[in-house]
C-alpha cells in the first residue's frame, strides 16, 4: 500500500516537472538529430536519379542509422540527467561536510 503522508519516497511536483521537461528535451533533440542524419544520408537518393540498388541502400541505411541515433541520443540524455540529479557523495549534504 502507498503511503499518503510525508515524503515517503514520493516525488515532489518540481522533480516531476523537471523529469517531464528532460524527457521532452531528450525526445525532441533525438528526433532532430535523427532527421538531420537521415536527410544527409538519404537526401541524395531522394533528390537525384541514382541506380536502384544505391537508392535502396542509402534510404534504408539512413533509416536504420537515424533509428539507432534516436535511441542512443534519448538514452544518453536521460542517463546524464539521472546522474546529475544524484549527489556525488551519497550521505553528504554539502561539499565541506
N, C-alpha and C. Protein backbone atom coordinates (compact mmCIF):
# COMPACT_ATOMS: atom_id res chain seq x y z
N UNK A 1 0.83 -1.18 0.00
CA UNK A 1 0.00 0.00 0.00
C UNK A 1 0.88 1.25 0.00
N UNK A 2 0.47 2.27 -0.68
CA UNK A 2 1.24 3.51 -0.74
C UNK A 2 1.02 4.37 0.48
N UNK A 3 2.06 5.06 0.83
CA UNK A 3 1.98 6.00 1.94
C UNK A 3 1.50 7.33 1.40
N UNK A 4 0.49 7.91 2.04
CA UNK A 4 -0.10 9.14 1.53
C UNK A 4 0.42 10.37 2.24
N UNK A 5 1.07 10.24 3.34
CA UNK A 5 1.54 11.42 4.08
C UNK A 5 3.04 11.53 4.02
N UNK A 6 3.57 12.73 4.20
CA UNK A 6 5.01 12.94 4.22
C UNK A 6 5.67 12.70 2.89
N UNK A 7 6.99 12.66 2.92
CA UNK A 7 7.71 12.47 1.66
C UNK A 7 7.75 11.00 1.27
N UNK A 8 7.95 10.08 2.20
CA UNK A 8 7.84 8.64 1.99
C UNK A 8 8.25 8.13 0.62
N UNK A 9 9.25 8.71 -0.03
CA UNK A 9 9.70 8.23 -1.32
C UNK A 9 8.94 8.81 -2.50
N UNK A 10 7.97 9.63 -2.25
CA UNK A 10 7.20 10.23 -3.34
C UNK A 10 7.93 11.45 -3.87
N UNK A 11 7.79 11.68 -5.16
CA UNK A 11 8.46 12.82 -5.79
C UNK A 11 7.62 14.07 -5.63
N UNK A 12 8.30 15.20 -5.48
CA UNK A 12 7.61 16.47 -5.42
C UNK A 12 7.25 16.95 -6.81
N UNK A 13 6.39 17.96 -6.87
CA UNK A 13 5.94 18.49 -8.16
C UNK A 13 7.11 19.04 -8.97
N UNK A 14 8.04 19.72 -8.34
CA UNK A 14 9.19 20.28 -9.07
C UNK A 14 10.04 19.18 -9.70
N UNK A 15 10.23 18.09 -8.98
CA UNK A 15 11.02 16.98 -9.52
C UNK A 15 10.29 16.31 -10.69
N UNK A 16 8.98 16.15 -10.56
CA UNK A 16 8.19 15.56 -11.67
C UNK A 16 8.23 16.47 -12.90
N UNK A 17 8.14 17.78 -12.67
CA UNK A 17 8.22 18.73 -13.79
C UNK A 17 9.58 18.67 -14.47
N UNK A 18 10.64 18.58 -13.67
CA UNK A 18 11.99 18.50 -14.24
C UNK A 18 12.17 17.23 -15.07
N UNK A 19 11.62 16.14 -14.60
CA UNK A 19 11.72 14.88 -15.34
C UNK A 19 10.94 14.99 -16.65
N UNK A 20 9.76 15.59 -16.59
CA UNK A 20 8.95 15.75 -17.80
C UNK A 20 9.66 16.61 -18.84
N UNK A 21 10.25 17.71 -18.39
CA UNK A 21 10.98 18.59 -19.30
C UNK A 21 12.18 17.87 -19.90
N UNK A 22 12.88 17.11 -19.08
CA UNK A 22 14.06 16.39 -19.57
C UNK A 22 13.68 15.32 -20.59
N UNK A 23 12.58 14.62 -20.36
CA UNK A 23 12.12 13.62 -21.33
C UNK A 23 11.75 14.30 -22.64
N UNK A 24 11.06 15.44 -22.56
CA UNK A 24 10.70 16.18 -23.77
C UNK A 24 11.92 16.64 -24.53
N UNK A 25 12.92 17.16 -23.79
CA UNK A 25 14.17 17.59 -24.42
C UNK A 25 14.87 16.41 -25.09
N UNK A 26 14.93 15.29 -24.39
CA UNK A 26 15.61 14.11 -24.94
C UNK A 26 14.94 13.65 -26.24
N UNK A 27 13.62 13.61 -26.25
CA UNK A 27 12.91 13.15 -27.45
C UNK A 27 13.03 14.14 -28.60
N UNK A 28 12.90 15.43 -28.31
CA UNK A 28 12.99 16.44 -29.38
C UNK A 28 14.40 16.52 -29.96
N UNK A 29 15.41 16.52 -29.10
CA UNK A 29 16.78 16.61 -29.62
C UNK A 29 17.16 15.34 -30.38
N UNK A 30 16.66 14.20 -29.93
CA UNK A 30 16.93 12.94 -30.64
C UNK A 30 16.23 12.92 -31.99
N UNK A 31 15.00 13.41 -32.04
CA UNK A 31 14.27 13.44 -33.31
C UNK A 31 14.96 14.39 -34.30
N UNK A 32 15.43 15.52 -33.82
CA UNK A 32 16.12 16.47 -34.70
C UNK A 32 17.41 15.86 -35.24
N UNK A 33 18.21 15.27 -34.36
CA UNK A 33 19.46 14.66 -34.79
C UNK A 33 19.21 13.53 -35.79
N UNK A 34 18.20 12.71 -35.52
CA UNK A 34 17.87 11.61 -36.43
C UNK A 34 17.42 12.13 -37.79
N UNK A 35 16.63 13.20 -37.80
CA UNK A 35 16.16 13.78 -39.07
C UNK A 35 17.32 14.34 -39.88
N UNK A 36 18.27 14.98 -39.21
CA UNK A 36 19.43 15.53 -39.90
C UNK A 36 20.27 14.41 -40.51
N UNK A 37 20.51 13.35 -39.75
CA UNK A 37 21.31 12.23 -40.26
C UNK A 37 20.58 11.53 -41.41
N UNK A 38 19.28 11.33 -41.27
CA UNK A 38 18.53 10.69 -42.34
C UNK A 38 18.57 11.56 -43.60
N UNK A 39 18.37 12.86 -43.44
CA UNK A 39 18.41 13.76 -44.59
C UNK A 39 19.77 13.78 -45.27
N UNK A 40 20.83 13.75 -44.47
CA UNK A 40 22.17 13.77 -45.04
C UNK A 40 22.48 12.48 -45.79
N UNK A 41 21.99 11.37 -45.27
CA UNK A 41 22.32 10.09 -45.91
C UNK A 41 21.35 9.76 -47.05
N UNK A 42 20.07 9.95 -46.84
CA UNK A 42 19.09 9.56 -47.85
C UNK A 42 18.76 10.70 -48.80
N UNK A 43 19.14 11.91 -48.48
CA UNK A 43 18.84 13.06 -49.33
C UNK A 43 19.27 12.92 -50.77
N UNK A 44 20.51 12.54 -51.02
CA UNK A 44 20.94 12.38 -52.41
C UNK A 44 20.10 11.35 -53.18
N UNK A 45 19.68 10.30 -52.50
CA UNK A 45 18.86 9.28 -53.16
C UNK A 45 17.48 9.82 -53.51
N UNK A 46 17.00 10.74 -52.70
CA UNK A 46 15.67 11.31 -52.94
C UNK A 46 15.71 12.46 -53.93
N UNK A 47 16.86 13.12 -54.07
CA UNK A 47 16.97 14.28 -54.96
C UNK A 47 17.46 13.94 -56.37
N UNK A 48 18.33 12.94 -56.47
CA UNK A 48 18.96 12.62 -57.75
C UNK A 48 18.50 11.26 -58.24
N UNK A 49 18.59 11.07 -59.53
CA UNK A 49 18.27 9.77 -60.13
C UNK A 49 19.49 8.87 -60.00
N UNK A 50 19.48 7.99 -59.03
CA UNK A 50 20.58 7.06 -58.79
C UNK A 50 20.12 5.65 -59.16
N UNK A 51 21.06 4.75 -59.38
CA UNK A 51 20.68 3.36 -59.64
C UNK A 51 19.85 2.79 -58.48
N UNK A 52 18.95 1.88 -58.79
CA UNK A 52 18.01 1.35 -57.80
C UNK A 52 18.66 0.79 -56.55
N UNK A 53 19.73 0.03 -56.71
CA UNK A 53 20.39 -0.57 -55.55
C UNK A 53 21.00 0.49 -54.65
N UNK A 54 21.62 1.49 -55.24
CA UNK A 54 22.25 2.57 -54.45
C UNK A 54 21.18 3.35 -53.71
N UNK A 55 20.10 3.63 -54.39
CA UNK A 55 18.99 4.37 -53.77
C UNK A 55 18.43 3.60 -52.57
N UNK A 56 18.23 2.31 -52.75
CA UNK A 56 17.69 1.48 -51.67
C UNK A 56 18.64 1.44 -50.49
N UNK A 57 19.92 1.26 -50.75
CA UNK A 57 20.91 1.20 -49.66
C UNK A 57 20.95 2.52 -48.91
N UNK A 58 20.94 3.64 -49.61
CA UNK A 58 21.01 4.94 -48.94
C UNK A 58 19.77 5.21 -48.10
N UNK A 59 18.61 4.92 -48.63
CA UNK A 59 17.37 5.19 -47.89
C UNK A 59 17.23 4.25 -46.69
N UNK A 60 17.45 2.96 -46.90
CA UNK A 60 17.34 2.01 -45.79
C UNK A 60 18.44 2.23 -44.75
N UNK A 61 19.65 2.46 -45.23
CA UNK A 61 20.76 2.73 -44.30
C UNK A 61 20.52 3.99 -43.51
N UNK A 62 20.00 5.02 -44.15
CA UNK A 62 19.68 6.26 -43.44
C UNK A 62 18.61 6.05 -42.39
N UNK A 63 17.62 5.23 -42.71
CA UNK A 63 16.57 4.93 -41.74
C UNK A 63 17.08 4.17 -40.54
N UNK A 64 17.91 3.18 -40.79
CA UNK A 64 18.49 2.40 -39.69
C UNK A 64 19.40 3.27 -38.84
N UNK A 65 20.27 4.04 -39.47
CA UNK A 65 21.17 4.91 -38.74
C UNK A 65 20.41 5.96 -37.93
N UNK A 66 19.36 6.51 -38.51
CA UNK A 66 18.56 7.50 -37.80
C UNK A 66 17.87 6.88 -36.59
N UNK A 67 17.36 5.67 -36.73
CA UNK A 67 16.73 4.99 -35.61
C UNK A 67 17.69 4.69 -34.47
N UNK A 68 18.87 4.22 -34.83
CA UNK A 68 19.90 3.94 -33.81
C UNK A 68 20.32 5.24 -33.12
N UNK A 69 20.54 6.29 -33.90
CA UNK A 69 20.93 7.56 -33.32
C UNK A 69 19.84 8.10 -32.38
N UNK A 70 18.58 7.97 -32.77
CA UNK A 70 17.46 8.41 -31.93
C UNK A 70 17.51 7.72 -30.57
N UNK A 71 17.67 6.40 -30.58
CA UNK A 71 17.70 5.64 -29.33
C UNK A 71 18.91 6.00 -28.47
N UNK A 72 20.07 6.10 -29.09
CA UNK A 72 21.29 6.40 -28.33
C UNK A 72 21.22 7.81 -27.74
N UNK A 73 20.75 8.77 -28.51
CA UNK A 73 20.65 10.15 -28.02
C UNK A 73 19.65 10.25 -26.86
N UNK A 74 18.51 9.60 -26.99
CA UNK A 74 17.50 9.64 -25.93
C UNK A 74 18.04 9.04 -24.64
N UNK A 75 18.64 7.88 -24.73
CA UNK A 75 19.17 7.21 -23.54
C UNK A 75 20.30 8.03 -22.92
N UNK A 76 21.19 8.56 -23.73
CA UNK A 76 22.33 9.30 -23.17
C UNK A 76 21.87 10.56 -22.44
N UNK A 77 20.88 11.27 -22.97
CA UNK A 77 20.39 12.47 -22.29
C UNK A 77 19.73 12.10 -20.97
N UNK A 78 18.92 11.05 -20.95
CA UNK A 78 18.23 10.66 -19.72
C UNK A 78 19.20 10.11 -18.67
N UNK A 79 20.21 9.37 -19.10
CA UNK A 79 21.20 8.85 -18.14
C UNK A 79 22.00 10.01 -17.55
N UNK A 80 22.39 10.96 -18.37
CA UNK A 80 23.12 12.12 -17.88
C UNK A 80 22.27 12.91 -16.88
N UNK A 81 20.99 13.06 -17.15
CA UNK A 81 20.09 13.76 -16.23
C UNK A 81 19.99 13.02 -14.90
N UNK A 82 19.88 11.71 -14.96
CA UNK A 82 19.76 10.92 -13.73
C UNK A 82 21.02 11.03 -12.89
N UNK A 83 22.19 11.00 -13.53
CA UNK A 83 23.45 11.13 -12.79
C UNK A 83 23.58 12.51 -12.16
N UNK A 84 23.15 13.54 -12.87
CA UNK A 84 23.25 14.91 -12.36
C UNK A 84 22.32 15.13 -11.18
N UNK A 85 21.23 14.39 -11.10
CA UNK A 85 20.26 14.55 -10.03
C UNK A 85 20.72 13.91 -8.73
N UNK A 86 21.67 12.98 -8.82
CA UNK A 86 22.15 12.29 -7.62
C UNK A 86 23.38 13.01 -7.07
N UNK A 87 23.51 13.07 -5.75
CA UNK A 87 24.71 13.69 -5.17
C UNK A 87 25.95 12.87 -5.49
N UNK A 88 27.08 13.55 -5.61
CA UNK A 88 28.30 12.85 -5.97
C UNK A 88 28.81 11.97 -4.84
N UNK A 89 28.51 12.35 -3.60
CA UNK A 89 28.92 11.55 -2.45
C UNK A 89 27.68 11.29 -1.60
N UNK A 90 27.07 10.13 -1.75
CA UNK A 90 25.84 9.83 -1.01
C UNK A 90 26.02 9.99 0.50
N UNK A 91 25.05 10.58 1.12
CA UNK A 91 25.10 10.77 2.56
C UNK A 91 25.63 12.12 2.99
N UNK A 92 26.27 12.84 2.10
CA UNK A 92 26.79 14.16 2.43
C UNK A 92 25.86 15.22 1.89
N UNK A 93 25.64 16.25 2.66
CA UNK A 93 24.69 17.26 2.25
C UNK A 93 25.37 18.50 1.68
N UNK A 94 26.64 18.70 2.00
CA UNK A 94 27.35 19.85 1.46
C UNK A 94 28.78 19.45 1.14
N UNK A 95 29.43 20.17 0.23
CA UNK A 95 30.78 19.78 -0.18
C UNK A 95 31.80 19.77 0.95
N UNK A 96 31.61 20.59 1.98
CA UNK A 96 32.62 20.67 3.04
C UNK A 96 32.17 19.97 4.31
N UNK A 97 31.30 18.98 4.22
CA UNK A 97 30.88 18.28 5.43
C UNK A 97 31.76 17.07 5.68
